[in-house]
C-alpha atoms as a PDB file:
ATOM      1  CA  MET A   1      11.809 -11.114  14.737  1.00  0.00           C
ATOM      2  CA  ALA A   2       8.013 -11.294  14.609  1.00  0.00           C
ATOM      3  CA  LEU A   3       6.275 -10.602  11.301  1.00  0.00           C
ATOM      4  CA  ILE A   4       4.465  -7.545  12.673  1.00  0.00           C
ATOM      5  CA  ASP A   5       7.798  -6.049  13.731  1.00  0.00           C
ATOM      6  CA  ASP A   6       9.247  -6.630  10.250  1.00  0.00           C
ATOM      7  CA  VAL A   7       6.222  -5.004   8.622  1.00  0.00           C
ATOM      8  CA  LYS A   8       6.364  -2.010  10.972  1.00  0.00           C
ATOM      9  CA  ARG A   9      10.077  -1.516  10.311  1.00  0.00           C
ATOM     10  CA  ILE A  10       9.615  -1.600   6.548  1.00  0.00           C
ATOM     11  CA  LEU A  11       6.585   0.697   6.542  1.00  0.00           C
ATOM     12  CA  GLN A  12       8.203   3.235   8.878  1.00  0.00           C
ATOM     13  CA  ALA A  13      11.208   3.371   6.561  1.00  0.00           C
ATOM     14  CA  GLY A  14       9.120   3.685   3.405  1.00  0.00           C
ATOM     15  CA  PHE A  15       6.535   6.127   4.760  1.00  0.00           C
ATOM     16  CA  PRO A  16       8.327   8.535   7.140  1.00  0.00           C
ATOM     17  CA  GLY A  17       6.031  10.008   9.779  1.00  0.00           C
ATOM     18  CA  ALA A  18       3.243   7.518   9.066  1.00  0.00           C
ATOM     19  CA  LYS A  19       0.963   6.270  11.814  1.00  0.00           C
ATOM     20  CA  LEU A  20       0.671   2.495  11.810  1.00  0.00           C
ATOM     21  CA  GLU A  21      -2.355   0.715  13.206  1.00  0.00           C
ATOM     22  CA  LEU A  22      -1.343  -2.887  12.674  1.00  0.00           C
ATOM     23  CA  LYS A  23      -2.251  -6.068  14.482  1.00  0.00           C
ATOM     24  CA  SER A  24      -1.490  -9.746  14.282  1.00  0.00           C
ATOM     25  CA  ILE A  25      -4.534 -11.927  13.805  1.00  0.00           C
ATOM     26  CA  ALA A  26      -5.073 -15.540  14.814  1.00  0.00           C
ATOM     27  CA  SER A  27      -3.968 -16.947  11.458  1.00  0.00           C
ATOM     28  CA  GLY A  28      -0.525 -15.386  11.932  1.00  0.00           C
ATOM     29  CA  ARG A  29      -1.249 -12.681   9.397  1.00  0.00           C
ATOM     30  CA  VAL A  30      -0.795  -8.934   9.812  1.00  0.00           C
ATOM     31  CA  THR A  31      -3.604  -6.507   9.015  1.00  0.00           C
ATOM     32  CA  GLY A  32      -4.482  -2.883   9.733  1.00  0.00           C
ATOM     33  CA  ALA A  33      -4.025   0.635   8.431  1.00  0.00           C
ATOM     34  CA  LEU A  34      -1.201   2.824   7.203  1.00  0.00           C
ATOM     35  CA  ILE A  35      -2.099   6.475   7.829  1.00  0.00           C
ATOM     36  CA  TRP A  36       0.163   8.885   5.983  1.00  0.00           C
ATOM     37  CA  ASP A  37      -0.489  12.366   4.650  1.00  0.00           C
ATOM     38  CA  GLY A  38       1.845  11.671   1.743  1.00  0.00           C
ATOM     39  CA  PHE A  39      -1.123   9.802   0.234  1.00  0.00           C
ATOM     40  CA  ASP A  40      -3.017  13.082  -0.197  1.00  0.00           C
ATOM     41  CA  ALA A  41      -4.240  13.397  -3.815  1.00  0.00           C
ATOM     42  CA  LEU A  42      -3.011   9.888  -4.706  1.00  0.00           C
ATOM     43  CA  PRO A  43      -5.616   7.439  -5.973  1.00  0.00           C
ATOM     44  CA  GLN A  44      -5.982   4.160  -4.064  1.00  0.00           C
ATOM     45  CA  ILE A  45      -4.322   2.146  -6.826  1.00  0.00           C
ATOM     46  CA  ASP A  46      -1.155   4.246  -6.499  1.00  0.00           C
ATOM     47  CA  ARG A  47      -1.240   4.040  -2.704  1.00  0.00           C
ATOM     48  CA  GLN A  48      -1.551   0.261  -2.834  1.00  0.00           C
ATOM     49  CA  SER A  49       1.242   0.061  -5.410  1.00  0.00           C
ATOM     50  CA  ARG A  50       3.555   1.982  -3.081  1.00  0.00           C
ATOM     51  CA  LEU A  51       2.547  -0.250  -0.180  1.00  0.00           C
ATOM     52  CA  ARG A  52       3.112  -3.367  -2.261  1.00  0.00           C
ATOM     53  CA  LYS A  53       6.553  -2.121  -3.304  1.00  0.00           C
ATOM     54  CA  ALA A  54       7.513  -1.571   0.341  1.00  0.00           C
ATOM     55  CA  ILE A  55       6.191  -4.996   1.399  1.00  0.00           C
ATOM     56  CA  SER A  56       8.190  -6.629  -1.402  1.00  0.00           C
ATOM     57  CA  ALA A  57      11.319  -6.049   0.709  1.00  0.00           C
ATOM     58  CA  LEU A  58      10.151  -8.938   2.901  1.00  0.00           C
ATOM     59  CA  PRO A  59      10.898 -12.557   2.006  1.00  0.00           C
ATOM     60  CA  VAL A  60       8.070 -14.068  -0.062  1.00  0.00           C
ATOM     61  CA  ASP A  61       6.837 -16.326   2.761  1.00  0.00           C
ATOM     62  CA  LYS A  62       6.340 -13.229   4.941  1.00  0.00           C
ATOM     63  CA  GLN A  63       4.811 -11.177   2.116  1.00  0.00           C
ATOM     64  CA  LEU A  64       2.112 -13.814   1.773  1.00  0.00           C
ATOM     65  CA  LYS A  65       1.145 -13.313   5.436  1.00  0.00           C
ATOM     66  CA  VAL A  66       0.471  -9.599   5.036  1.00  0.00           C
ATOM     67  CA  SER A  67      -3.282  -9.286   4.710  1.00  0.00           C
ATOM     68  CA  LEU A  68      -5.410  -6.196   4.141  1.00  0.00           C
ATOM     69  CA  ILE A  69      -3.701  -2.900   4.942  1.00  0.00           C
ATOM     70  CA  LEU A  70      -5.787   0.210   4.367  1.00  0.00           C
ATOM     71  CA  THR A  71      -3.945   3.251   3.024  1.00  0.00           C
ATOM     72  CA  LEU A  72      -5.455   6.454   4.408  1.00  0.00           C
ATOM     73  CA  THR A  73      -4.614  10.096   5.018  1.00  0.00           C
ATOM     74  CA  THR A  74      -5.123  11.616   8.451  1.00  0.00           C
ATOM     75  CA  ASP A  75      -8.292  13.377   7.253  1.00  0.00           C
ATOM     76  CA  GLU A  76      -9.707  10.170   5.769  1.00  0.00           C
ATOM     77  CA  LYS A  77      -9.057   8.330   9.034  1.00  0.00           C
ATOM     78  CA  ALA A  78     -10.792  11.098  10.982  1.00  0.00           C
ATOM     79  CA  SER A  79     -13.796  10.921   8.639  1.00  0.00           C
ATOM     80  CA  LEU A  80     -14.084   7.177   9.188  1.00  0.00           C
ATOM     81  CA  ALA A  81     -13.850   7.595  12.939  1.00  0.00           C
ATOM     82  CA  ALA A  82     -16.614  10.229  12.905  1.00  0.00           C
ATOM     83  CA  ALA A  83     -18.981   8.065  10.846  1.00  0.00           C
END
């Protein structure tokens, strides 16, 4: 299974109802955004901790290929899109 598929599966399980905007980049890494309203009122450090915990379900070699993943709410994503 491709890395991006593994990451999607894990994030969908850990963040029910989340919208995933992920892509594979040339280096074989996965990057993108995790948009989930469950992040509302959570500081970024807590969001990233939850993301990290979910990603830790992957084998270490795959964890190391997960690059930047933004953690946003739907409203935050909309604000970025409007800017």
